[in-house]
């Protein structure tokens, strides 16, 4: 009986810890997108800082993700892409095990599939322009100055893209937390 009580307390403590981390990732993601812009970098910074795993090279490489890859808008939302990248950084297929690491690879795939499903349920798509339409009523061609101004006027960095970034960071930490708790509690 004591072991089951101890196990329940341990599980609850882990759940509370990961819920707090997910909330912190949400807050950081929102703030970074509001202040600095660059949805992919904002998510990656929020997640990796929350996990105390910041990687400068990965952060710098994420520059290209913004606006649905290089501001093109017709590709996957950079917030989702960066969240997936963070998952891969936690559960990687390593170069030294390029022909192996199957457990990590498929675990990461499963996490990204759950993340994708959350995006589709919330926004109807994972495509940047589709998310613009959902959040702001229309898509913006961020390659054009006038469109960037309209994007800002529509509230992109007040509560629109900021909330997408915040949720992507939160969801990534939640998914990573589920896996980490499973590892600790089940010895997986």
Foldseek 3Di string as FASTA:
>chain_A
DVVVVVLVVVLVVLVVLLLVLLQQLLVQLLVCCLPPNLLLLSLLCSQCVSVVNDDVVLSVVSSQPDCQGNLAQFHFHSLLVNLLVNLCVVLHCDPVNVVDSVVSVVLSVVLSVVLQVVCCVVQVHRGRQSLCCSQQVGGFRVVDPVSVVVCVVSPCSPPRVSNVSSNSSSSSSVSVSVVVSCCVSVVD
